[in-house]
Amino acid sequence: MAEHFISRDDAERDMLACAAYLAESITSSDGRAQAMVPIVSGYLAKGDVDLSAELANTVDDPFIRDRLLITVAESCVSRDDDEYAMQLIEAMEDPGMQAQGLERVGLRLASMGKIDAAMSAADSLDHRDNVLGGIAVRLHGDGDTESALQTAAEIGFPSAASQSFIAMAAVSIDKGENEAAAELLGRAALAAEDIEHDEERIRVLADIANSFIAAGRNDNAIETNELARLHAEELDNVHRDNFLAAVSQGFMRAGSLELADRALDSVRDKTQIANTLLGFAREFWKRGEAEEAIDALDESYSVLKSQHERETRDSKAKFTSFANIAIQYAGFEKGERAVGIAHEIEDEEQSVNALSQIARIMTIQKNDDEARHAINSISDDARRMFALINLSDAAVEIGDREKAASLLDEANALAEEVPQLASRASAHDTIADRFLSLDAPAKAREVMKANLATIALIKDESSAASALANLAGVHTDGKFEIDEAEREGLRKFVQRASLNR
């Protein structure tokens, strides 16, 4: 094997090649593996599957190497090079990863309508149900429902059979063929009853009920939810309340508040009760019943607020629920209330997430004062920077491109204050990409050049190579040519890599 697949000359002229050259020089197995993930992805985006495979093979970690090779194989299938895809899969040493790769190739073949090739891949697997399901969905989508049903009949595991019928029903729903969807969902429900694992059976039944609602068959949804409720009531573990809460929301969406309340009465965990009431609030709002929606949301907050620490089963779930409630208040045009609750959240990550989402919603609602209040409440520079980018996206949604650009300028200025170089580089990439989407290539190029300087300061070779690969992707999207200043920067990276060899 050559010491370098990337020549020094190529590395000094091409940003992605430079990232690969840097990665190939990393002596740490973990470091090289980490760096090669975005690099292989970058070469696949360019259509260079041969070099992608070669670089993947330089990774010592067998799990990451095989995972990358599977991605390359899927890309080969998408480019109609099925033979090379199978060669890559067959070359894997680990039987488990080889089976996983063959399954994903089979699914990709099925999605592309290559039914015979997909069936051949399925026949090579000990557990072929998922590929058969993919084939059935594609056949049904192509209008050959009879063959689809015959294929689905070959699926051995009831859970996989149910999921294939649900996926087929989704295709029918998208086409507006609700009667056909209902028939398929009936088959899914029959298969689900044969699932041995209680939790899996309940989960699938809940999925079927939701699909019935999407098909406009609330009566069937209620029947299926009732089956799920009966099974959930028999559980004696921590999953019981989660499932009953989901069933309660399913009844609500299907139009039966009485059954929803009855199921909710069986839930003991206050976090799950609060989540269910939050779901009720959203459904009331969707129906135009604003007063009932606010009342349900107030009750959700009160229940969660009353939960004592000793009653809390999962603190992370509780904080997430607080964040969701705060965000929903913003959705109900209660911005000040939303910000207040976000500040109460003890977990900083969830508090910041809530404030960022609240600011976004306020921007869409054109409540700029409350949006700015939420953003300014985020004390950490890095998190506020990404929140400003999120706000810019919201401004684009409402057609205010001038505001979107101004928010990106603010985020870019803040990036210079962020001490974490990897976070700064990631933000630069995102900001440059957004400027490109706003048809501001000059600003995008300016940010990208600043990012190249930032990446040069990153001491960890793996992080630097990864960041350079990500920057290369944005550079390619912008269709920019490497100028002399950037070329000089790449030369310095190559020199740095040479010193590490």
Protein backbone atom coordinates (compact mmCIF):
# COMPACT_ATOMS: atom_id res chain seq x y z
CA MET A 1 0.00 0.00 0.00
CA ALA A 2 1.34 3.45 -0.93
CA GLU A 3 2.27 5.67 1.94
CA HIS A 4 0.14 8.44 0.45
CA PHE A 5 -2.71 8.09 -2.03
CA ILE A 6 -2.76 11.88 -2.27
CA SER A 7 0.28 13.49 -3.88
CA ARG A 8 1.92 16.51 -2.31
CA ASP A 9 1.27 18.49 -5.48
CA ASP A 10 -2.47 17.73 -5.40
CA ALA A 11 -2.62 18.60 -1.70
CA GLU A 12 -1.18 22.05 -2.41
CA ARG A 13 -3.76 22.74 -5.13
CA ASP A 14 -6.99 21.24 -3.78
CA MET A 15 -8.58 21.76 -0.37
CA LEU A 16 -10.10 18.28 0.01
CA ALA A 17 -6.89 16.66 -1.20
CA CYS A 18 -5.01 18.68 1.40
CA ALA A 19 -7.37 17.42 4.12
CA ALA A 20 -6.81 13.83 2.94
CA TYR A 21 -3.02 14.32 2.82
CA LEU A 22 -3.14 15.66 6.37
CA ALA A 23 -5.28 12.72 7.50
CA GLU A 24 -2.96 10.16 5.90
CA SER A 25 -0.10 11.62 7.94
CA ILE A 26 -1.89 11.08 11.26
CA THR A 27 -0.20 8.30 13.23
CA SER A 28 -3.00 7.83 15.74
CA SER A 29 -5.47 5.13 14.61
CA ASP A 30 -8.41 6.86 16.28
CA GLY A 31 -7.38 10.24 14.92
CA ARG A 32 -7.07 9.03 11.34
CA ALA A 33 -10.41 7.21 11.56
CA GLN A 34 -12.16 10.34 12.83
CA ALA A 35 -10.68 12.49 10.07
CA MET A 36 -11.44 10.09 7.24
CA VAL A 37 -15.20 10.16 7.82
CA PRO A 38 -15.83 13.66 6.32
CA ILE A 39 -13.01 13.18 3.78
CA VAL A 40 -14.48 10.00 2.31
CA SER A 41 -17.86 11.71 2.28
CA GLY A 42 -16.32 14.62 0.37
CA TYR A 43 -14.81 12.40 -2.32
CA LEU A 44 -18.09 10.51 -2.67
CA ALA A 45 -19.84 13.84 -3.25
CA LYS A 46 -17.37 14.37 -6.09
CA GLY A 47 -18.14 10.93 -7.49
CA ASP A 48 -14.67 9.48 -6.87
CA VAL A 49 -15.60 6.09 -5.43
CA ASP A 50 -12.22 4.50 -6.15
CA LEU A 51 -10.26 7.01 -4.08
CA SER A 52 -12.99 6.95 -1.41
CA ALA A 53 -12.54 3.20 -1.06
CA GLU A 54 -8.75 3.46 -0.98
CA LEU A 55 -8.84 6.10 1.74
CA ALA A 56 -11.40 4.12 3.74
CA ASN A 57 -9.05 1.14 3.65
CA THR A 58 -6.29 3.19 5.32
CA VAL A 59 -8.37 3.27 8.50
CA ASP A 60 -7.14 0.75 11.09
CA ASP A 61 -10.34 0.71 13.15
CA PRO A 62 -12.28 -2.20 11.54
CA PHE A 63 -15.70 -0.89 12.54
CA ILE A 64 -15.20 2.59 11.08
CA ARG A 65 -13.39 1.20 8.03
CA ASP A 66 -16.25 -1.15 7.20
CA ARG A 67 -18.82 1.53 7.91
CA LEU A 68 -17.08 3.81 5.41
CA LEU A 69 -16.85 1.02 2.85
CA ILE A 70 -20.57 0.37 3.20
CA THR A 71 -21.21 4.03 2.44
CA VAL A 72 -18.95 3.77 -0.61
CA ALA A 73 -20.79 0.64 -1.74
CA GLU A 74 -24.16 2.38 -1.47
CA SER A 75 -22.77 5.24 -3.53
CA CYS A 76 -21.59 2.75 -6.16
CA VAL A 77 -25.12 1.35 -6.42
CA SER A 78 -26.50 4.86 -6.88
CA ARG A 79 -24.03 5.29 -9.76
CA ASP A 80 -25.02 1.96 -11.36
CA ASP A 81 -21.75 0.27 -10.46
CA ASP A 82 -23.36 -2.67 -8.67
CA GLU A 83 -20.43 -5.01 -9.34
CA TYR A 84 -17.92 -2.81 -7.54
CA ALA A 85 -20.37 -2.36 -4.67
CA MET A 86 -20.57 -6.12 -4.17
CA GLN A 87 -16.78 -6.44 -4.38
CA LEU A 88 -16.41 -3.95 -1.54
CA ILE A 89 -18.94 -5.81 0.61
CA GLU A 90 -17.41 -9.23 -0.09
CA ALA A 91 -13.96 -7.95 0.88
CA MET A 92 -15.07 -7.21 4.44
CA GLU A 93 -13.70 -9.59 7.04
CA ASP A 94 -16.29 -9.14 9.78
CA PRO A 95 -19.41 -11.25 9.03
CA GLY A 96 -21.69 -8.92 10.96
CA MET A 97 -20.57 -5.79 9.11
CA GLN A 98 -20.64 -7.68 5.81
CA ALA A 99 -24.27 -8.65 6.44
CA GLN A 100 -25.12 -5.08 7.39
CA GLY A 101 -23.47 -3.82 4.21
CA LEU A 102 -25.25 -6.36 2.02
CA GLU A 103 -28.58 -5.40 3.58
CA ARG A 104 -28.01 -1.68 2.93
CA VAL A 105 -26.91 -2.37 -0.64
CA GLY A 106 -30.01 -4.52 -1.10
CA LEU A 107 -32.24 -1.75 0.20
CA ARG A 108 -30.58 0.78 -2.08
CA LEU A 109 -31.06 -1.55 -5.06
CA ALA A 110 -34.72 -1.97 -4.13
CA SER A 111 -35.27 1.78 -3.80
CA MET A 112 -33.84 2.23 -7.31
CA GLY A 113 -36.19 -0.37 -8.77
CA LYS A 114 -33.49 -2.98 -9.40
CA ILE A 115 -35.74 -5.73 -8.09
CA ASP A 116 -33.83 -8.79 -9.37
CA ALA A 117 -30.52 -7.50 -8.00
CA ALA A 118 -32.15 -6.60 -4.69
CA MET A 119 -33.71 -10.06 -4.44
CA SER A 120 -30.33 -11.62 -5.16
CA ALA A 121 -28.82 -9.59 -2.32
CA ALA A 122 -31.66 -10.66 -0.02
CA ASP A 123 -31.13 -14.33 -0.89
CA SER A 124 -27.49 -13.99 0.21
CA LEU A 125 -28.55 -12.93 3.69
CA ASP A 126 -29.43 -15.15 6.62
CA HIS A 127 -31.89 -12.47 7.78
CA ARG A 128 -33.39 -11.01 4.63
CA ASP A 129 -36.65 -9.55 5.96
CA ASN A 130 -35.67 -5.88 5.79
CA VAL A 131 -34.58 -6.14 2.17
CA LEU A 132 -37.76 -8.02 1.28
CA GLY A 133 -39.69 -5.22 2.91
CA GLY A 134 -37.84 -2.64 0.82
CA ILE A 135 -38.60 -4.62 -2.33
CA ALA A 136 -42.29 -4.86 -1.42
CA VAL A 137 -42.53 -1.11 -0.85
CA ARG A 138 -40.91 -0.35 -4.21
CA LEU A 139 -43.13 -2.83 -6.07
CA HIS A 140 -46.22 -1.33 -4.46
CA GLY A 141 -45.03 2.18 -5.33
CA ASP A 142 -44.59 1.07 -8.94
CA GLY A 143 -48.19 -0.18 -9.02
CA ASP A 144 -47.48 -3.91 -8.78
CA THR A 145 -49.29 -4.44 -5.50
CA GLU A 146 -49.91 -8.14 -6.15
CA SER A 147 -46.17 -8.85 -6.40
CA ALA A 148 -45.58 -6.58 -3.42
CA LEU A 149 -47.97 -8.61 -1.28
CA GLN A 150 -46.39 -11.86 -2.45
CA THR A 151 -42.97 -10.52 -1.45
CA ALA A 152 -44.23 -9.31 1.91
CA ALA A 153 -45.70 -12.75 2.53
CA GLU A 154 -42.13 -14.16 2.50
CA ILE A 155 -41.11 -11.99 5.46
CA GLY A 156 -40.61 -14.22 8.47
CA PHE A 157 -40.57 -11.84 11.43
CA PRO A 158 -43.98 -10.30 12.28
CA SER A 159 -42.43 -6.97 13.26
CA ALA A 160 -40.66 -6.61 9.90
CA ALA A 161 -43.85 -7.64 8.09
CA SER A 162 -45.87 -5.03 9.96
CA GLN A 163 -43.35 -2.30 9.19
CA SER A 164 -43.36 -3.19 5.49
CA PHE A 165 -47.17 -2.93 5.36
CA ILE A 166 -47.02 0.42 7.18
CA ALA A 167 -44.47 1.71 4.67
CA MET A 168 -46.61 0.48 1.77
CA ALA A 169 -49.62 2.21 3.30
CA ALA A 170 -47.65 5.46 3.51
CA VAL A 171 -47.07 5.24 -0.26
CA SER A 172 -50.81 4.83 -0.79
CA ILE A 173 -51.60 7.76 1.50
CA ASP A 174 -49.20 9.98 -0.44
CA LYS A 175 -51.09 9.05 -3.59
CA GLY A 176 -54.45 9.82 -1.97
CA GLU A 177 -55.46 6.14 -2.04
CA ASN A 178 -56.76 5.94 1.52
CA GLU A 179 -58.88 2.81 1.07
CA ALA A 180 -55.87 0.88 -0.19
CA ALA A 181 -53.85 2.26 2.71
CA ALA A 182 -56.48 1.12 5.22
CA GLU A 183 -56.42 -2.41 3.78
CA LEU A 184 -52.63 -2.54 4.10
CA LEU A 185 -52.77 -1.22 7.66
CA GLY A 186 -55.26 -3.97 8.50
CA ARG A 187 -52.66 -6.48 7.34
CA ALA A 188 -50.06 -4.69 9.46
CA ALA A 189 -52.28 -4.98 12.54
CA LEU A 190 -52.81 -8.71 11.99
CA ALA A 191 -49.05 -9.26 11.72
CA ALA A 192 -48.43 -7.12 14.79
CA GLU A 193 -50.51 -9.39 16.98
CA ASP A 194 -47.94 -12.15 16.38
CA ILE A 195 -45.03 -10.07 17.67
CA GLU A 196 -43.70 -11.85 20.75
CA HIS A 197 -41.93 -8.92 22.44
CA ASP A 198 -44.57 -6.91 24.31
CA GLU A 199 -42.93 -3.50 23.97
CA GLU A 200 -42.27 -3.96 20.26
CA ARG A 201 -45.88 -5.07 19.67
CA ILE A 202 -47.26 -1.98 21.41
CA ARG A 203 -44.88 0.32 19.55
CA VAL A 204 -45.91 -1.09 16.18
CA LEU A 205 -49.62 -0.90 17.03
CA ALA A 206 -49.17 2.78 17.92
CA ASP A 207 -47.46 3.36 14.56
CA ILE A 208 -50.35 1.64 12.79
CA ALA A 209 -52.90 3.77 14.65
CA ASN A 210 -51.10 6.96 13.64
CA SER A 211 -51.07 5.77 10.03
CA PHE A 212 -54.81 5.11 10.17
CA ILE A 213 -55.28 8.73 11.25
CA ALA A 214 -53.19 9.89 8.29
CA ALA A 215 -55.45 7.78 6.06
CA GLY A 216 -58.55 9.47 7.48
CA ARG A 217 -59.73 6.30 9.26
CA ASN A 218 -60.13 7.50 12.83
CA ASP A 219 -62.44 4.58 13.65
CA ASN A 220 -59.71 2.09 12.83
CA ALA A 221 -57.18 4.24 14.67
CA ILE A 222 -59.28 4.11 17.84
CA GLU A 223 -59.65 0.33 17.59
CA THR A 224 -55.90 -0.12 17.11
CA ASN A 225 -55.08 2.27 19.93
CA GLU A 226 -57.39 0.31 22.19
CA LEU A 227 -55.44 -2.86 21.42
CA ALA A 228 -52.22 -1.01 22.25
CA ARG A 229 -53.76 0.27 25.50
CA LEU A 230 -54.79 -3.21 26.62
CA HIS A 231 -51.29 -4.55 26.01
CA ALA A 232 -49.70 -1.54 27.74
CA GLU A 233 -51.86 -1.97 30.83
CA GLU A 234 -50.36 -5.44 31.31
CA LEU A 235 -46.78 -4.18 31.43
CA ASP A 236 -45.09 -4.02 34.82
CA ASN A 237 -41.98 -2.04 33.87
CA VAL A 238 -40.92 1.58 33.32
CA HIS A 239 -42.16 1.51 29.70
CA ARG A 240 -45.80 1.21 30.78
CA ASP A 241 -46.39 4.93 31.32
CA ASN A 242 -44.57 5.92 28.13
CA PHE A 243 -46.81 3.68 26.03
CA LEU A 244 -50.02 4.70 27.80
CA ALA A 245 -49.10 8.35 27.27
CA ALA A 246 -48.56 7.68 23.56
CA VAL A 247 -51.88 5.83 23.36
CA SER A 248 -53.66 8.71 25.08
CA GLN A 249 -52.31 11.17 22.51
CA GLY A 250 -53.31 8.74 19.76
CA PHE A 251 -56.90 8.73 21.00
CA MET A 252 -56.84 12.53 21.09
CA ARG A 253 -55.61 12.80 17.50
CA ALA A 254 -58.26 10.30 16.45
CA GLY A 255 -60.94 12.58 17.89
CA SER A 256 -61.87 10.91 21.19
CA LEU A 257 -61.09 13.16 24.14
CA GLU A 258 -63.00 10.79 26.45
CA LEU A 259 -60.81 7.80 25.61
CA ALA A 260 -57.72 10.01 25.73
CA ASP A 261 -58.55 11.15 29.26
CA ARG A 262 -59.31 7.61 30.34
CA ALA A 263 -55.92 6.38 29.11
CA LEU A 264 -54.17 9.35 30.71
CA ASP A 265 -55.75 8.51 34.07
CA SER A 266 -53.65 5.32 34.10
CA VAL A 267 -50.35 7.21 33.71
CA ARG A 268 -48.46 7.80 36.95
CA ASP A 269 -45.21 9.47 35.86
CA LYS A 270 -45.68 13.25 35.89
CA THR A 271 -43.22 13.82 33.05
CA GLN A 272 -45.31 11.58 30.81
CA ILE A 273 -48.53 13.23 32.00
CA ALA A 274 -47.06 16.62 31.12
CA ASN A 275 -45.95 15.37 27.70
CA THR A 276 -49.45 14.03 27.01
CA LEU A 277 -51.11 17.30 28.01
CA LEU A 278 -48.65 19.10 25.74
CA GLY A 279 -49.83 16.83 22.92
CA PHE A 280 -53.45 17.69 23.81
CA ALA A 281 -52.61 21.39 23.64
CA ARG A 282 -51.15 21.03 20.14
CA GLU A 283 -54.19 19.11 18.94
CA PHE A 284 -56.61 21.70 20.37
CA TRP A 285 -54.64 24.47 18.66
CA LYS A 286 -54.71 22.60 15.37
CA ARG A 287 -58.50 22.41 15.65
CA GLY A 288 -58.74 26.16 16.26
CA GLU A 289 -59.67 25.75 19.94
CA ALA A 290 -57.13 28.26 21.26
CA GLU A 291 -58.57 28.63 24.78
CA GLU A 292 -58.57 24.88 25.37
CA ALA A 293 -55.05 24.68 23.98
CA ILE A 294 -53.73 27.28 26.42
CA ASP A 295 -55.52 25.59 29.33
CA ALA A 296 -53.98 22.22 28.44
CA LEU A 297 -50.53 23.77 28.13
CA ASP A 298 -50.91 25.55 31.48
CA GLU A 299 -51.88 22.24 33.07
CA SER A 300 -48.92 20.51 31.43
CA TYR A 301 -46.53 23.07 32.92
CA SER A 302 -48.17 22.88 36.36
CA VAL A 303 -47.94 19.09 36.48
CA LEU A 304 -44.28 19.10 35.52
CA LYS A 305 -43.49 21.93 37.92
CA SER A 306 -45.08 19.95 40.76
CA GLN A 307 -42.87 16.92 40.14
CA HIS A 308 -40.55 16.51 43.11
CA GLU A 309 -36.98 15.34 42.60
CA ARG A 310 -37.72 12.04 44.32
CA GLU A 311 -40.57 11.42 41.86
CA THR A 312 -38.41 12.07 38.81
CA ARG A 313 -37.42 8.93 36.91
CA ASP A 314 -35.39 10.69 34.23
CA SER A 315 -34.05 14.21 34.82
CA LYS A 316 -32.99 14.61 31.20
CA ALA A 317 -36.50 13.78 29.99
CA LYS A 318 -37.97 16.21 32.49
CA PHE A 319 -35.75 19.08 31.33
CA THR A 320 -36.54 18.25 27.71
CA SER A 321 -40.25 18.45 28.53
CA PHE A 322 -39.77 21.86 30.16
CA ALA A 323 -38.02 23.03 26.98
CA ASN A 324 -40.82 21.70 24.76
CA ILE A 325 -43.44 23.43 26.90
CA ALA A 326 -41.55 26.73 26.75
CA ILE A 327 -41.23 26.42 22.95
CA GLN A 328 -44.93 25.64 22.65
CA TYR A 329 -45.86 28.80 24.58
CA ALA A 330 -43.94 30.69 21.90
CA GLY A 331 -45.89 28.81 19.23
CA PHE A 332 -49.09 29.94 20.97
CA GLU A 333 -47.84 33.55 20.72
CA LYS A 334 -46.95 33.79 24.41
CA GLY A 335 -43.34 34.87 23.92
CA GLU A 336 -42.73 36.48 27.29
CA ARG A 337 -44.11 33.44 29.11
CA ALA A 338 -41.98 31.18 26.91
CA VAL A 339 -38.76 33.03 27.73
CA GLY A 340 -39.57 33.00 31.43
CA ILE A 341 -40.01 29.22 31.50
CA ALA A 342 -36.85 28.70 29.44
CA HIS A 343 -34.89 30.59 32.09
CA GLU A 344 -36.28 28.29 34.79
CA ILE A 345 -34.78 25.17 33.19
CA GLU A 346 -31.87 23.98 35.33
CA ASP A 347 -30.15 22.14 32.47
CA GLU A 348 -28.17 24.73 30.48
CA GLU A 349 -28.26 22.83 27.21
CA GLN A 350 -32.04 22.52 27.26
CA SER A 351 -32.45 26.12 28.40
CA VAL A 352 -30.35 27.37 25.47
CA ASN A 353 -32.17 25.06 23.05
CA ALA A 354 -35.49 26.47 24.22
CA LEU A 355 -34.33 30.08 23.95
CA SER A 356 -32.97 29.49 20.45
CA GLN A 357 -36.20 27.88 19.25
CA ILE A 358 -38.30 30.58 20.92
CA ALA A 359 -36.29 33.28 19.15
CA ARG A 360 -36.83 31.47 15.86
CA ILE A 361 -40.59 31.25 16.36
CA MET A 362 -40.76 34.89 17.43
CA THR A 363 -38.91 35.87 14.25
CA ILE A 364 -41.39 33.97 12.10
CA GLN A 365 -44.19 35.71 14.01
CA LYS A 366 -42.38 39.03 13.33
CA ASN A 367 -42.08 39.72 17.04
CA ASP A 368 -38.53 41.05 16.79
CA ASP A 369 -38.37 42.50 20.32
CA GLU A 370 -39.16 39.16 21.97
CA ALA A 371 -36.84 37.33 19.56
CA ARG A 372 -33.99 39.64 20.51
CA HIS A 373 -34.83 39.22 24.20
CA ALA A 374 -34.53 35.44 23.84
CA ILE A 375 -31.27 35.62 21.89
CA ASN A 376 -29.64 38.07 24.28
CA SER A 377 -30.53 35.74 27.16
CA ILE A 378 -28.03 33.18 25.85
CA SER A 379 -24.82 34.01 27.68
CA ASP A 380 -22.46 31.54 25.96
CA ASP A 381 -20.97 33.12 22.82
CA ALA A 382 -20.76 29.88 20.84
CA ARG A 383 -24.35 28.92 21.54
CA ARG A 384 -25.60 32.44 20.83
CA MET A 385 -23.67 32.38 17.56
CA PHE A 386 -25.43 29.22 16.37
CA ALA A 387 -28.76 30.61 17.60
CA LEU A 388 -28.24 33.69 15.39
CA ILE A 389 -27.66 31.40 12.41
CA ASN A 390 -30.91 29.65 13.29
CA LEU A 391 -32.62 33.05 13.42
CA SER A 392 -31.25 33.89 9.99
CA ASP A 393 -32.87 30.74 8.61
CA ALA A 394 -36.17 31.86 10.12
CA ALA A 395 -35.82 35.26 8.46
CA VAL A 396 -35.37 33.51 5.12
CA GLU A 397 -38.60 31.56 5.76
CA ILE A 398 -40.59 34.79 6.01
CA GLY A 399 -38.86 36.27 2.97
CA ASP A 400 -36.74 38.85 4.80
CA ARG A 401 -33.37 38.19 3.15
CA GLU A 402 -31.96 41.53 4.32
CA LYS A 403 -32.57 40.61 7.95
CA ALA A 404 -31.18 37.13 7.30
CA ALA A 405 -27.92 38.62 5.98
CA SER A 406 -27.69 41.03 8.92
CA LEU A 407 -28.08 38.18 11.40
CA LEU A 408 -25.35 36.23 9.61
CA ASP A 409 -23.06 39.27 9.86
CA GLU A 410 -23.76 39.38 13.59
CA ALA A 411 -23.07 35.65 13.97
CA ASN A 412 -19.85 35.99 12.00
CA ALA A 413 -18.64 38.85 14.19
CA LEU A 414 -19.44 36.83 17.29
CA ALA A 415 -17.52 33.85 15.90
CA GLU A 416 -14.28 35.73 16.36
CA GLU A 417 -14.97 35.81 20.11
CA VAL A 418 -15.51 32.05 20.39
CA PRO A 419 -12.42 30.43 21.93
CA GLN A 420 -13.29 26.88 20.83
CA LEU A 421 -11.64 26.71 17.40
CA ALA A 422 -13.58 23.66 16.20
CA SER A 423 -16.89 25.38 17.02
CA ARG A 424 -15.71 28.54 15.31
CA ALA A 425 -14.72 26.61 12.17
CA SER A 426 -18.06 24.80 12.09
CA ALA A 427 -19.90 28.10 12.40
CA HIS A 428 -17.82 29.67 9.64
CA ASP A 429 -18.79 26.81 7.31
CA THR A 430 -22.48 27.21 8.11
CA ILE A 431 -22.38 30.99 7.76
CA ALA A 432 -20.57 30.78 4.41
CA ASP A 433 -23.10 28.21 3.18
CA ARG A 434 -25.98 30.49 4.20
CA PHE A 435 -24.40 33.47 2.43
CA LEU A 436 -24.17 31.34 -0.71
CA SER A 437 -27.88 30.56 -0.45
CA LEU A 438 -28.53 34.32 -0.14
CA ASP A 439 -26.61 34.92 -3.39
CA ALA A 440 -23.82 36.70 -1.53
CA PRO A 441 -20.72 34.83 -2.80
CA ALA A 442 -18.31 37.65 -1.90
CA LYS A 443 -19.33 37.48 1.77
CA ALA A 444 -19.21 33.70 1.69
CA ARG A 445 -15.66 33.80 0.31
CA GLU A 446 -14.60 36.27 3.00
CA VAL A 447 -15.91 33.97 5.74
CA MET A 448 -14.23 30.94 4.15
CA LYS A 449 -10.86 32.66 4.07
CA ALA A 450 -11.24 33.55 7.74
CA ASN A 451 -12.10 29.91 8.37
CA LEU A 452 -8.92 28.69 6.67
CA ALA A 453 -6.96 30.86 9.10
CA THR A 454 -8.98 29.47 12.01
CA ILE A 455 -8.34 25.86 10.99
CA ALA A 456 -4.60 26.58 10.80
CA LEU A 457 -4.74 27.33 14.54
CA ILE A 458 -6.28 23.96 15.44
CA LYS A 459 -3.51 21.86 16.98
CA ASP A 460 -5.26 18.50 16.91
CA GLU A 461 -4.45 17.01 13.50
CA SER A 462 -7.64 15.01 13.26
CA SER A 463 -9.86 17.99 14.05
CA ALA A 464 -7.91 20.15 11.61
CA ALA A 465 -8.24 17.62 8.78
CA SER A 466 -11.95 17.18 9.45
CA ALA A 467 -12.52 20.94 9.51
CA LEU A 468 -10.56 21.38 6.27
CA ALA A 469 -12.66 18.65 4.61
CA ASN A 470 -15.86 20.38 5.67
CA LEU A 471 -14.57 23.72 4.37
CA ALA A 472 -13.69 22.04 1.07
CA GLY A 473 -17.32 21.02 0.69
CA VAL A 474 -18.55 24.61 1.03
CA HIS A 475 -15.77 25.77 -1.32
CA THR A 476 -16.97 23.27 -3.94
CA ASP A 477 -20.60 24.31 -3.50
CA GLY A 478 -19.60 27.91 -4.17
CA LYS A 479 -17.69 26.86 -7.33
CA PHE A 480 -14.68 28.88 -6.18
CA GLU A 481 -11.18 28.55 -7.56
CA ILE A 482 -8.25 28.31 -5.14
CA ASP A 483 -6.46 31.68 -5.15
CA GLU A 484 -2.82 32.29 -4.27
CA ALA A 485 -3.51 33.21 -0.63
CA GLU A 486 -5.45 29.98 -0.12
CA ARG A 487 -2.79 28.01 -1.96
CA GLU A 488 -0.18 29.36 0.45
CA GLY A 489 -2.39 28.22 3.34
CA LEU A 490 -2.58 24.73 1.85
CA ARG A 491 1.20 24.62 1.44
CA LYS A 492 1.56 25.30 5.16
CA PHE A 493 -0.78 22.42 5.95
CA VAL A 494 1.28 20.12 3.71
CA GLN A 495 4.49 21.20 5.43
CA ARG A 496 2.86 20.57 8.78
CA ALA A 497 1.80 17.08 7.66
CA SER A 498 5.32 16.32 6.40
CA LEU A 499 6.79 17.18 9.80
CA ASN A 500 4.43 14.68 11.47
CA ARG A 501 5.43 11.76 9.22
